[in-house]
Amino acid sequence: MRKLRGDVTPEQDILRNRTGIGSTHRVEIPSATRYTPKRVLVADDNRTNRNVLAAILEAAGHIVVMVTDGDEALEEMKKGGIDILLIDVNMPRLNGIDTCSIWREREGGRNHLPIIGITADATSETEIKCRSVGMDMRITKPVDAQMLLNAIEKYCCADTNEAAIPQPLPTDPLDEVASIFGNIPAAGAPIDHGQIQYLLSIGDHAFVNAMIEGFVEDVEQTLGPLRKAVAEGDVSEFRFCAHAFKSSGNNMGARSLSRLCGRLEKVSETDFLEHRFAYLQEMEQEAATAVDALKSDVYFTPNGVNAQAGSTT
């Protein structure tokens, strides 16, 4: 089950119905593995990120509570009953770094709550920031389902159910960062086919349809603030919009869009002011290309029948 603060949209109804336990398309969990159900708080301002994480977690039997920023996460943790927090490092209002810092100060070393930071930023600088405020681990997007479930088991059940972890978690030189990247798309391909296959592995065609519809809506909702930021010369808002595009694009396999926005989310103010209209045009073109590709019958299947994305040969 899941809980999302605020109204439940039709898309979330589809996701709830299609990604519950017992669906025919599930995360591939080894039959010998039994995950201990936990109450997982997911804090992310991006809809596609939340939906992917919810599908993974519910398939393993976890209860999911979803919020959209750090302030809401602090409210939920204050209520109690949360076993682990998965939080986006970069969010508007209160981000993941500051949220973790505030919570660690409040808990004062007692009843340590496991916190995993999730981010598209794989740099060592971000890792250090996450570790310095008390995060237990950082995982980079797109998230690998098995790795995430193993991490939850590791931090929530290490003393009582350690045998449930089928293999050691991949580690970096600092032993706490997991970096996962999708397949490299064919030259000129607007969408990484492997990422769509991944989404099918954790849901079904209705789930992928809902993800595509959500991505299209998110693009439309982001373009307004993006154009305003360019018109007004607001580099901070521009960077935030670029980050939002990068995150959603990664989830949907729009690698070209994600790479462009990954570069632009770090643009200097001088560079932005000089080239902002050209950057806006590039982002609009890449976003439109990704939307058109995802809405084609190659990936979008209105009647739930197999499309090329789900076919096997």
C-alpha atoms as a PDB file:
ATOM      1  CA  MET A   1       0.000   0.000   0.000  1.00  0.00           C
ATOM      2  CA  ARG A   2       1.035   3.606  -0.289  1.00  0.00           C
ATOM      3  CA  LYS A   3       0.088   6.950   1.102  1.00  0.00           C
ATOM      4  CA  LEU A   4       0.573  10.204  -0.770  1.00  0.00           C
ATOM      5  CA  ARG A   5      -0.136  13.494   0.919  1.00  0.00           C
ATOM      6  CA  GLY A   6      -2.749  15.459  -0.997  1.00  0.00           C
ATOM      7  CA  ASP A   7      -5.248  14.297  -3.594  1.00  0.00           C
ATOM      8  CA  VAL A   8      -4.700  11.049  -5.462  1.00  0.00           C
ATOM      9  CA  THR A   9      -4.625  11.592  -9.218  1.00  0.00           C
ATOM     10  CA  PRO A  10      -6.004   9.122 -11.784  1.00  0.00           C
ATOM     11  CA  GLU A  11      -2.408   8.293 -12.694  1.00  0.00           C
ATOM     12  CA  GLN A  12      -1.649   7.342  -9.093  1.00  0.00           C
ATOM     13  CA  ASP A  13      -4.775   5.175  -9.016  1.00  0.00           C
ATOM     14  CA  ILE A  14      -3.464   3.284 -12.039  1.00  0.00           C
ATOM     15  CA  LEU A  15      -0.076   2.874 -10.422  1.00  0.00           C
ATOM     16  CA  ARG A  16      -1.618   1.685  -7.171  1.00  0.00           C
ATOM     17  CA  ASN A  17      -3.750  -0.907  -8.924  1.00  0.00           C
ATOM     18  CA  ARG A  18      -1.079  -2.088 -11.333  1.00  0.00           C
ATOM     19  CA  THR A  19       1.940  -2.290  -9.054  1.00  0.00           C
ATOM     20  CA  GLY A  20       0.468  -4.033  -6.019  1.00  0.00           C
ATOM     21  CA  ILE A  21       1.603  -7.418  -4.791  1.00  0.00           C
ATOM     22  CA  GLY A  22       0.546 -10.237  -7.110  1.00  0.00           C
ATOM     23  CA  SER A  23       0.785  -8.383 -10.419  1.00  0.00           C
ATOM     24  CA  THR A  24       2.198 -10.450 -13.269  1.00  0.00           C
ATOM     25  CA  HIS A  25       5.095  -8.030 -13.876  1.00  0.00           C
ATOM     26  CA  ARG A  26       7.291  -7.722 -10.830  1.00  0.00           C
ATOM     27  CA  VAL A  27      10.767  -6.809  -9.771  1.00  0.00           C
ATOM     28  CA  GLU A  28      12.789  -9.997 -10.170  1.00  0.00           C
ATOM     29  CA  ILE A  29      13.487 -10.991  -6.578  1.00  0.00           C
ATOM     30  CA  PRO A  30      15.235 -14.338  -6.010  1.00  0.00           C
ATOM     31  CA  SER A  31      12.727 -16.866  -4.750  1.00  0.00           C
ATOM     32  CA  ALA A  32      14.870 -17.656  -1.710  1.00  0.00           C
ATOM     33  CA  THR A  33      14.883 -14.012  -0.653  1.00  0.00           C
ATOM     34  CA  ARG A  34      12.239 -12.790   1.770  1.00  0.00           C
ATOM     35  CA  TYR A  35      12.271  -9.090   2.501  1.00  0.00           C
ATOM     36  CA  THR A  36      11.010  -7.910   5.848  1.00  0.00           C
ATOM     37  CA  PRO A  37       8.110  -5.480   5.255  1.00  0.00           C
ATOM     38  CA  LYS A  38       9.023  -1.992   6.388  1.00  0.00           C
ATOM     39  CA  ARG A  39       7.349   1.409   6.374  1.00  0.00           C
ATOM     40  CA  VAL A  40       9.376   3.426   3.902  1.00  0.00           C
ATOM     41  CA  LEU A  41       9.124   7.195   3.611  1.00  0.00           C
ATOM     42  CA  VAL A  42       9.905   8.469   0.096  1.00  0.00           C
ATOM     43  CA  ALA A  43      10.596  12.208  -0.228  1.00  0.00           C
ATOM     44  CA  ASP A  44      10.974  13.467  -3.791  1.00  0.00           C
ATOM     45  CA  ASP A  45       9.484  16.434  -5.624  1.00  0.00           C
ATOM     46  CA  ASN A  46       9.574  14.584  -8.954  1.00  0.00           C
ATOM     47  CA  ARG A  47       6.514  12.469  -9.763  1.00  0.00           C
ATOM     48  CA  THR A  48       8.287   9.952 -11.984  1.00  0.00           C
ATOM     49  CA  ASN A  49      10.911   9.349  -9.311  1.00  0.00           C
ATOM     50  CA  ARG A  50       8.249   8.729  -6.666  1.00  0.00           C
ATOM     51  CA  ASN A  51       6.284   6.353  -8.868  1.00  0.00           C
ATOM     52  CA  VAL A  52       9.309   4.258  -9.815  1.00  0.00           C
ATOM     53  CA  LEU A  53      10.395   3.956  -6.179  1.00  0.00           C
ATOM     54  CA  ALA A  54       6.849   3.093  -5.046  1.00  0.00           C
ATOM     55  CA  ALA A  55       6.563   0.318  -7.646  1.00  0.00           C
ATOM     56  CA  ILE A  56       9.861  -1.226  -6.556  1.00  0.00           C
ATOM     57  CA  LEU A  57       9.093  -1.012  -2.852  1.00  0.00           C
ATOM     58  CA  GLU A  58       5.517  -2.283  -3.027  1.00  0.00           C
ATOM     59  CA  ALA A  59       6.588  -5.262  -5.115  1.00  0.00           C
ATOM     60  CA  ALA A  60       8.792  -6.333  -2.202  1.00  0.00           C
ATOM     61  CA  GLY A  61       5.967  -5.921   0.299  1.00  0.00           C
ATOM     62  CA  HIS A  62       6.978  -2.595   1.820  1.00  0.00           C
ATOM     63  CA  ILE A  63       4.478   0.060   2.877  1.00  0.00           C
ATOM     64  CA  VAL A  64       5.209   3.349   1.116  1.00  0.00           C
ATOM     65  CA  VAL A  65       4.536   6.858   2.371  1.00  0.00           C
ATOM     66  CA  MET A  66       5.256   9.524  -0.247  1.00  0.00           C
ATOM     67  CA  VAL A  67       5.884  13.228   0.304  1.00  0.00           C
ATOM     68  CA  THR A  68       7.125  15.951  -2.010  1.00  0.00           C
ATOM     69  CA  ASP A  69       9.696  17.910   0.013  1.00  0.00           C
ATOM     70  CA  GLY A  70      11.834  17.996   3.121  1.00  0.00           C
ATOM     71  CA  ASP A  71       9.341  19.864   5.278  1.00  0.00           C
ATOM     72  CA  GLU A  72       6.711  17.190   4.687  1.00  0.00           C
ATOM     73  CA  ALA A  73       9.300  14.491   5.378  1.00  0.00           C
ATOM     74  CA  LEU A  74      10.133  16.026   8.761  1.00  0.00           C
ATOM     75  CA  GLU A  75       6.438  16.120   9.634  1.00  0.00           C
ATOM     76  CA  GLU A  76       6.023  12.431   8.792  1.00  0.00           C
ATOM     77  CA  MET A  77       9.138  11.406  10.721  1.00  0.00           C
ATOM     78  CA  LYS A  78       7.968  13.391  13.737  1.00  0.00           C
ATOM     79  CA  LYS A  79       4.782  11.283  13.793  1.00  0.00           C
ATOM     80  CA  GLY A  80       6.896   8.137  14.163  1.00  0.00           C
ATOM     81  CA  GLY A  81       6.455   4.706  12.652  1.00  0.00           C
ATOM     82  CA  ILE A  82       8.906   5.231   9.778  1.00  0.00           C
ATOM     83  CA  ASP A  83      11.592   2.559   9.389  1.00  0.00           C
ATOM     84  CA  ILE A  84      13.741   4.216   6.725  1.00  0.00           C
ATOM     85  CA  LEU A  85      13.806   7.430   4.688  1.00  0.00           C
ATOM     86  CA  LEU A  86      14.634   7.588   0.973  1.00  0.00           C
ATOM     87  CA  ILE A  87      15.138  11.239   0.120  1.00  0.00           C
ATOM     88  CA  ASP A  88      16.011  13.172  -3.004  1.00  0.00           C
ATOM     89  CA  VAL A  89      19.148  15.195  -2.354  1.00  0.00           C
ATOM     90  CA  ASN A  90      18.052  18.136  -4.552  1.00  0.00           C
ATOM     91  CA  MET A  91      14.553  19.488  -3.898  1.00  0.00           C
ATOM     92  CA  PRO A  92      13.007  22.958  -3.735  1.00  0.00           C
ATOM     93  CA  ARG A  93      12.198  24.467  -0.367  1.00  0.00           C
ATOM     94  CA  LEU A  94      13.996  22.096   2.030  1.00  0.00           C
ATOM     95  CA  ASN A  95      16.429  19.775   0.236  1.00  0.00           C
ATOM     96  CA  GLY A  96      17.632  16.339   1.281  1.00  0.00           C
ATOM     97  CA  ILE A  97      20.915  17.524   2.765  1.00  0.00           C
ATOM     98  CA  ASP A  98      19.265  20.068   5.061  1.00  0.00           C
ATOM     99  CA  THR A  99      16.419  17.686   5.940  1.00  0.00           C
ATOM    100  CA  CYS A 100      18.865  15.011   7.064  1.00  0.00           C
ATOM    101  CA  SER A 101      20.906  17.528   9.059  1.00  0.00           C
ATOM    102  CA  ILE A 102      17.816  18.784  10.886  1.00  0.00           C
ATOM    103  CA  TRP A 103      16.593  15.267  11.656  1.00  0.00           C
ATOM    104  CA  ARG A 104      19.961  14.051  12.952  1.00  0.00           C
ATOM    105  CA  GLU A 105      20.042  17.017  15.313  1.00  0.00           C
ATOM    106  CA  ARG A 106      16.526  16.246  16.532  1.00  0.00           C
ATOM    107  CA  GLU A 107      17.099  12.557  17.143  1.00  0.00           C
ATOM    108  CA  GLY A 108      20.357  13.276  18.979  1.00  0.00           C
ATOM    109  CA  GLY A 109      21.910   9.886  18.351  1.00  0.00           C
ATOM    110  CA  ARG A 110      18.961   7.995  19.826  1.00  0.00           C
ATOM    111  CA  ASN A 111      16.845   5.629  17.715  1.00  0.00           C
ATOM    112  CA  HIS A 112      18.937   6.189  14.609  1.00  0.00           C
ATOM    113  CA  LEU A 113      16.719   6.323  11.519  1.00  0.00           C
ATOM    114  CA  PRO A 114      18.405   4.977   8.369  1.00  0.00           C
ATOM    115  CA  ILE A 115      18.468   7.641   5.647  1.00  0.00           C
ATOM    116  CA  ILE A 116      19.440   6.967   2.039  1.00  0.00           C
ATOM    117  CA  GLY A 117      20.031   9.922  -0.245  1.00  0.00           C
ATOM    118  CA  ILE A 118      18.980   9.510  -3.875  1.00  0.00           C
ATOM    119  CA  THR A 119      20.433  11.767  -6.534  1.00  0.00           C
ATOM    120  CA  ALA A 120      21.455  11.955 -10.164  1.00  0.00           C
ATOM    121  CA  ASP A 121      24.721  13.593  -9.057  1.00  0.00           C
ATOM    122  CA  ALA A 122      27.414  10.906  -8.857  1.00  0.00           C
ATOM    123  CA  THR A 123      30.242  13.231  -7.858  1.00  0.00           C
ATOM    124  CA  SER A 124      32.390  12.660  -4.787  1.00  0.00           C
ATOM    125  CA  GLU A 125      31.538  16.194  -3.641  1.00  0.00           C
ATOM    126  CA  THR A 126      27.862  15.263  -3.269  1.00  0.00           C
ATOM    127  CA  GLU A 127      28.808  12.024  -1.541  1.00  0.00           C
ATOM    128  CA  ILE A 128      30.828  13.936   1.020  1.00  0.00           C
ATOM    129  CA  LYS A 129      27.925  16.313   1.631  1.00  0.00           C
ATOM    130  CA  CYS A 130      25.563  13.374   2.161  1.00  0.00           C
ATOM    131  CA  ARG A 131      27.909  11.623   4.558  1.00  0.00           C
ATOM    132  CA  SER A 132      28.742  14.806   6.478  1.00  0.00           C
ATOM    133  CA  VAL A 133      25.100  15.346   7.510  1.00  0.00           C
ATOM    134  CA  GLY A 134      24.617  11.732   8.580  1.00  0.00           C
ATOM    135  CA  MET A 135      23.150   9.929   5.578  1.00  0.00           C
ATOM    136  CA  ASP A 136      23.834   6.203   5.735  1.00  0.00           C
ATOM    137  CA  MET A 137      24.187   5.771   1.976  1.00  0.00           C
ATOM    138  CA  ARG A 138      23.780   7.536  -1.340  1.00  0.00           C
ATOM    139  CA  ILE A 139      22.340   5.852  -4.424  1.00  0.00           C
ATOM    140  CA  THR A 140      22.451   7.473  -7.843  1.00  0.00           C
ATOM    141  CA  LYS A 141      19.611   7.576 -10.332  1.00  0.00           C
ATOM    142  CA  PRO A 142      18.306   5.689 -12.207  1.00  0.00           C
ATOM    143  CA  VAL A 143      17.832   3.435  -9.195  1.00  0.00           C
ATOM    144  CA  ASP A 144      18.589  -0.281  -9.449  1.00  0.00           C
ATOM    145  CA  ALA A 145      15.689  -2.170  -7.848  1.00  0.00           C
ATOM    146  CA  GLN A 146      17.656  -5.065  -6.375  1.00  0.00           C
ATOM    147  CA  MET A 147      20.308  -2.771  -4.957  1.00  0.00           C
ATOM    148  CA  LEU A 148      17.713  -0.565  -3.297  1.00  0.00           C
ATOM    149  CA  LEU A 149      15.910  -3.514  -1.706  1.00  0.00           C
ATOM    150  CA  ASN A 150      19.201  -4.962  -0.483  1.00  0.00           C
ATOM    151  CA  ALA A 151      20.132  -1.606   1.022  1.00  0.00           C
ATOM    152  CA  ILE A 152      16.844  -1.383   2.927  1.00  0.00           C
ATOM    153  CA  GLU A 153      17.402  -4.884   4.259  1.00  0.00           C
ATOM    154  CA  LYS A 154      20.959  -4.009   5.204  1.00  0.00           C
ATOM    155  CA  TYR A 155      20.101  -0.899   7.195  1.00  0.00           C
ATOM    156  CA  CYS A 156      16.765  -1.977   8.680  1.00  0.00           C
ATOM    157  CA  CYS A 157      17.306  -5.672   9.381  1.00  0.00           C
ATOM    158  CA  ALA A 158      21.047  -6.226   9.651  1.00  0.00           C
ATOM    159  CA  ASP A 159      20.814  -7.895  13.069  1.00  0.00           C
ATOM    160  CA  THR A 160      17.722 -10.036  12.560  1.00  0.00           C
ATOM    161  CA  ASN A 161      17.518 -10.959   8.888  1.00  0.00           C
ATOM    162  CA  GLU A 162      20.970 -10.559   7.410  1.00  0.00           C
ATOM    163  CA  ALA A 163      20.592 -13.781   5.417  1.00  0.00           C
ATOM    164  CA  ALA A 164      17.942 -12.107   3.284  1.00  0.00           C
ATOM    165  CA  ILE A 165      20.620 -10.193   1.384  1.00  0.00           C
ATOM    166  CA  PRO A 166      21.615 -12.466  -1.516  1.00  0.00           C
ATOM    167  CA  GLN A 167      24.880 -10.692  -2.362  1.00  0.00           C
ATOM    168  CA  PRO A 168      27.079  -7.854  -1.105  1.00  0.00           C
ATOM    169  CA  LEU A 169      26.140  -4.356  -2.132  1.00  0.00           C
ATOM    170  CA  PRO A 170      28.381  -2.722  -4.742  1.00  0.00           C
ATOM    171  CA  THR A 171      30.611  -0.133  -3.092  1.00  0.00           C
ATOM    172  CA  ASP A 172      32.775   2.755  -4.087  1.00  0.00           C
ATOM    173  CA  PRO A 173      36.145   3.641  -2.529  1.00  0.00           C
ATOM    174  CA  LEU A 174      34.296   5.222   0.402  1.00  0.00           C
ATOM    175  CA  ASP A 175      32.087   2.133   0.699  1.00  0.00           C
ATOM    176  CA  GLU A 176      28.724   3.894   0.692  1.00  0.00           C
ATOM    177  CA  VAL A 177      27.938   5.024  -2.868  1.00  0.00           C
ATOM    178  CA  ALA A 178      26.151   2.952  -5.486  1.00  0.00           C
ATOM    179  CA  SER A 179      26.216   4.301  -9.029  1.00  0.00           C
ATOM    180  CA  ILE A 180      23.813   2.799 -11.579  1.00  0.00           C
ATOM    181  CA  PHE A 181      23.514   3.796 -15.226  1.00  0.00           C
ATOM    182  CA  GLY A 182      21.175   2.543 -17.934  1.00  0.00           C
ATOM    183  CA  ASN A 183      22.142   1.110 -21.295  1.00  0.00           C
ATOM    184  CA  ILE A 184      23.759   3.489 -23.762  1.00  0.00           C
ATOM    185  CA  PRO A 185      21.131   4.252 -26.440  1.00  0.00           C
ATOM    186  CA  ALA A 186      21.866   3.568 -30.071  1.00  0.00           C
ATOM    187  CA  ALA A 187      23.254   6.571 -31.917  1.00  0.00           C
ATOM    188  CA  GLY A 188      20.424   8.961 -32.686  1.00  0.00           C
ATOM    189  CA  ALA A 189      17.874   7.077 -30.583  1.00  0.00           C
ATOM    190  CA  PRO A 190      15.769   9.546 -28.544  1.00  0.00           C
ATOM    191  CA  ILE A 191      14.851   6.921 -25.922  1.00  0.00           C
ATOM    192  CA  ASP A 192      16.957   4.255 -24.227  1.00  0.00           C
ATOM    193  CA  HIS A 193      15.030   1.076 -25.003  1.00  0.00           C
ATOM    194  CA  GLY A 194      16.651  -0.665 -22.043  1.00  0.00           C
ATOM    195  CA  GLN A 195      15.118   1.822 -19.611  1.00  0.00           C
ATOM    196  CA  ILE A 196      11.619   1.102 -20.938  1.00  0.00           C
ATOM    197  CA  GLN A 197      12.311  -2.612 -20.521  1.00  0.00           C
ATOM    198  CA  TYR A 198      13.357  -1.868 -16.953  1.00  0.00           C
ATOM    199  CA  LEU A 199      10.080  -0.049 -16.271  1.00  0.00           C
ATOM    200  CA  LEU A 200       8.190  -3.032 -17.689  1.00  0.00           C
ATOM    201  CA  SER A 201      10.103  -5.302 -15.316  1.00  0.00           C
ATOM    202  CA  ILE A 202       8.768  -3.433 -12.280  1.00  0.00           C
ATOM    203  CA  GLY A 203       5.240  -2.847 -13.580  1.00  0.00           C
ATOM    204  CA  ASP A 204       3.384  -3.621 -16.786  1.00  0.00           C
ATOM    205  CA  HIS A 205       2.216  -1.775 -19.894  1.00  0.00           C
ATOM    206  CA  ALA A 206      -0.361   0.220 -17.925  1.00  0.00           C
ATOM    207  CA  PHE A 207       2.403   1.266 -15.543  1.00  0.00           C
ATOM    208  CA  VAL A 208       4.615   2.405 -18.429  1.00  0.00           C
ATOM    209  CA  ASN A 209       1.663   4.258 -19.977  1.00  0.00           C
ATOM    210  CA  ALA A 210       1.064   6.074 -16.701  1.00  0.00           C
ATOM    211  CA  MET A 211       4.750   6.925 -16.421  1.00  0.00           C
ATOM    212  CA  ILE A 212       4.742   8.339 -19.955  1.00  0.00           C
ATOM    213  CA  GLU A 213       1.622  10.400 -19.279  1.00  0.00           C
ATOM    214  CA  GLY A 214       3.174  11.710 -16.076  1.00  0.00           C
ATOM    215  CA  PHE A 215       6.393  12.597 -17.892  1.00  0.00           C
ATOM    216  CA  VAL A 216       4.473  14.516 -20.565  1.00  0.00           C
ATOM    217  CA  GLU A 217       2.562  16.450 -17.900  1.00  0.00           C
ATOM    218  CA  ASP A 218       5.766  17.195 -15.988  1.00  0.00           C
ATOM    219  CA  VAL A 219       7.420  18.516 -19.151  1.00  0.00           C
ATOM    220  CA  GLU A 220       4.466  20.801 -19.830  1.00  0.00           C
ATOM    221  CA  GLN A 221       4.442  22.044 -16.229  1.00  0.00           C
ATOM    222  CA  THR A 222       8.204  22.698 -16.220  1.00  0.00           C
ATOM    223  CA  LEU A 223       8.325  24.571 -19.519  1.00  0.00           C
ATOM    224  CA  GLY A 224       6.356  27.521 -18.124  1.00  0.00           C
ATOM    225  CA  PRO A 225       8.733  28.275 -15.229  1.00  0.00           C
ATOM    226  CA  LEU A 226      11.700  27.537 -17.493  1.00  0.00           C
ATOM    227  CA  ARG A 227      10.625  30.103 -20.094  1.00  0.00           C
ATOM    228  CA  LYS A 228       9.894  32.629 -17.357  1.00  0.00           C
ATOM    229  CA  ALA A 229      13.342  32.068 -15.834  1.00  0.00           C
ATOM    230  CA  VAL A 230      14.970  32.692 -19.205  1.00  0.00           C
ATOM    231  CA  ALA A 231      12.912  35.805 -19.869  1.00  0.00           C
ATOM    232  CA  GLU A 232      13.696  37.251 -16.435  1.00  0.00           C
ATOM    233  CA  GLY A 233      17.342  36.140 -16.315  1.00  0.00           C
ATOM    234  CA  ASP A 234      16.756  33.983 -13.214  1.00  0.00           C
ATOM    235  CA  VAL A 235      19.671  31.547 -13.217  1.00  0.00           C
ATOM    236  CA  SER A 236      18.617  29.759 -10.002  1.00  0.00           C
ATOM    237  CA  GLU A 237      15.186  28.862 -11.357  1.00  0.00           C
ATOM    238  CA  PHE A 238      16.737  27.880 -14.682  1.00  0.00           C
ATOM    239  CA  ARG A 239      19.104  25.464 -12.933  1.00  0.00           C
ATOM    240  CA  PHE A 240      16.228  23.971 -10.968  1.00  0.00           C
ATOM    241  CA  CYS A 241      14.158  23.413 -14.128  1.00  0.00           C
ATOM    242  CA  ALA A 242      17.169  21.816 -15.818  1.00  0.00           C
ATOM    243  CA  HIS A 243      17.586  19.490 -12.848  1.00  0.00           C
ATOM    244  CA  ALA A 244      13.921  18.505 -13.006  1.00  0.00           C
ATOM    245  CA  PHE A 245      14.233  17.682 -16.712  1.00  0.00           C
ATOM    246  CA  LYS A 246      17.388  15.675 -16.086  1.00  0.00           C
ATOM    247  CA  SER A 247      15.787  13.566 -13.375  1.00  0.00           C
ATOM    248  CA  SER A 248      12.557  12.841 -15.271  1.00  0.00           C
ATOM    249  CA  GLY A 249      14.469  12.211 -18.485  1.00  0.00           C
ATOM    250  CA  ASN A 250      16.704   9.631 -16.834  1.00  0.00           C
ATOM    251  CA  ASN A 251      13.689   7.731 -15.518  1.00  0.00           C
ATOM    252  CA  MET A 252      12.124   7.588 -18.973  1.00  0.00           C
ATOM    253  CA  GLY A 253      15.313   6.823 -20.894  1.00  0.00           C
ATOM    254  CA  ALA A 254      15.574  10.274 -22.501  1.00  0.00           C
ATOM    255  CA  ARG A 255      19.344  10.269 -22.184  1.00  0.00           C
ATOM    256  CA  SER A 256      20.070  13.109 -24.604  1.00  0.00           C
ATOM    257  CA  LEU A 257      17.699  15.407 -22.706  1.00  0.00           C
ATOM    258  CA  SER A 258      19.237  14.309 -19.417  1.00  0.00           C
ATOM    259  CA  ARG A 259      22.802  14.874 -20.578  1.00  0.00           C
ATOM    260  CA  LEU A 260      21.990  18.360 -21.863  1.00  0.00           C
ATOM    261  CA  CYS A 261      20.174  19.333 -18.673  1.00  0.00           C
ATOM    262  CA  GLY A 262      22.867  17.777 -16.499  1.00  0.00           C
ATOM    263  CA  ARG A 263      25.288  20.238 -18.056  1.00  0.00           C
ATOM    264  CA  LEU A 264      22.913  23.199 -17.884  1.00  0.00           C
ATOM    265  CA  GLU A 265      21.923  22.702 -14.245  1.00  0.00           C
ATOM    266  CA  LYS A 266      25.497  23.747 -13.398  1.00  0.00           C
ATOM    267  CA  VAL A 267      25.684  26.684 -15.807  1.00  0.00           C
ATOM    268  CA  SER A 268      27.417  29.813 -14.522  1.00  0.00           C
ATOM    269  CA  GLU A 269      25.399  32.992 -14.239  1.00  0.00           C
ATOM    270  CA  THR A 270      27.566  34.719 -16.844  1.00  0.00           C
ATOM    271  CA  ASP A 271      27.183  31.870 -19.327  1.00  0.00           C
ATOM    272  CA  PHE A 272      23.454  31.696 -18.660  1.00  0.00           C
ATOM    273  CA  LEU A 273      22.863  35.382 -19.228  1.00  0.00           C
ATOM    274  CA  GLU A 274      24.815  35.306 -22.475  1.00  0.00           C
ATOM    275  CA  HIS A 275      23.337  32.124 -23.975  1.00  0.00           C
ATOM    276  CA  ARG A 276      20.050  31.573 -22.142  1.00  0.00           C
ATOM    277  CA  PHE A 277      17.773  31.860 -25.165  1.00  0.00           C
ATOM    278  CA  ALA A 278      19.855  29.360 -27.128  1.00  0.00           C
ATOM    279  CA  TYR A 279      19.857  26.998 -24.150  1.00  0.00           C
ATOM    280  CA  LEU A 280      16.082  27.298 -23.873  1.00  0.00           C
ATOM    281  CA  GLN A 281      15.703  26.380 -27.530  1.00  0.00           C
ATOM    282  CA  GLU A 282      17.914  23.319 -27.084  1.00  0.00           C
ATOM    283  CA  MET A 283      15.946  22.164 -24.045  1.00  0.00           C
ATOM    284  CA  GLU A 284      12.618  22.667 -25.774  1.00  0.00           C
ATOM    285  CA  GLN A 285      13.783  20.681 -28.791  1.00  0.00           C
ATOM    286  CA  GLU A 286      15.152  17.800 -26.724  1.00  0.00           C
ATOM    287  CA  ALA A 287      12.038  17.676 -24.550  1.00  0.00           C
ATOM    288  CA  ALA A 288       9.758  17.671 -27.596  1.00  0.00           C
ATOM    289  CA  THR A 289      11.783  14.883 -29.200  1.00  0.00           C
ATOM    290  CA  ALA A 290      11.540  12.758 -26.056  1.00  0.00           C
ATOM    291  CA  VAL A 291       7.799  13.378 -25.687  1.00  0.00           C
ATOM    292  CA  ASP A 292       7.085  12.531 -29.326  1.00  0.00           C
ATOM    293  CA  ALA A 293       9.085   9.304 -29.087  1.00  0.00           C
ATOM    294  CA  LEU A 294       7.431   8.166 -25.864  1.00  0.00           C
ATOM    295  CA  LYS A 295       3.927   8.944 -27.164  1.00  0.00           C
ATOM    296  CA  SER A 296       4.507   6.877 -30.301  1.00  0.00           C
ATOM    297  CA  ASP A 297       3.053   3.371 -30.548  1.00  0.00           C
ATOM    298  CA  VAL A 298       6.555   1.980 -30.042  1.00  0.00           C
ATOM    299  CA  TYR A 299       6.261   2.683 -26.312  1.00  0.00           C
ATOM    300  CA  PHE A 300       2.729   3.895 -25.556  1.00  0.00           C
ATOM    301  CA  THR A 301       0.077   1.155 -25.640  1.00  0.00           C
ATOM    302  CA  PRO A 302      -3.365   2.639 -24.849  1.00  0.00           C
ATOM    303  CA  ASN A 303      -5.134  -0.732 -24.856  1.00  0.00           C
ATOM    304  CA  GLY A 304      -2.493  -2.491 -22.787  1.00  0.00           C
ATOM    305  CA  VAL A 305      -1.371  -4.738 -25.623  1.00  0.00           C
ATOM    306  CA  ASN A 306       2.243  -5.603 -26.261  1.00  0.00           C
ATOM    307  CA  ALA A 307       4.234  -3.022 -28.151  1.00  0.00           C
ATOM    308  CA  GLN A 308       7.784  -3.181 -29.399  1.00  0.00           C
ATOM    309  CA  ALA A 309       8.990  -2.153 -25.967  1.00  0.00           C
ATOM    310  CA  GLY A 310       7.556  -5.262 -24.404  1.00  0.00           C
ATOM    311  CA  SER A 311       7.907  -7.766 -27.210  1.00  0.00           C
ATOM    312  CA  THR A 312      10.367 -10.611 -27.214  1.00  0.00           C
ATOM    313  CA  THR A 313      11.936 -12.340 -30.139  1.00  0.00           C
END
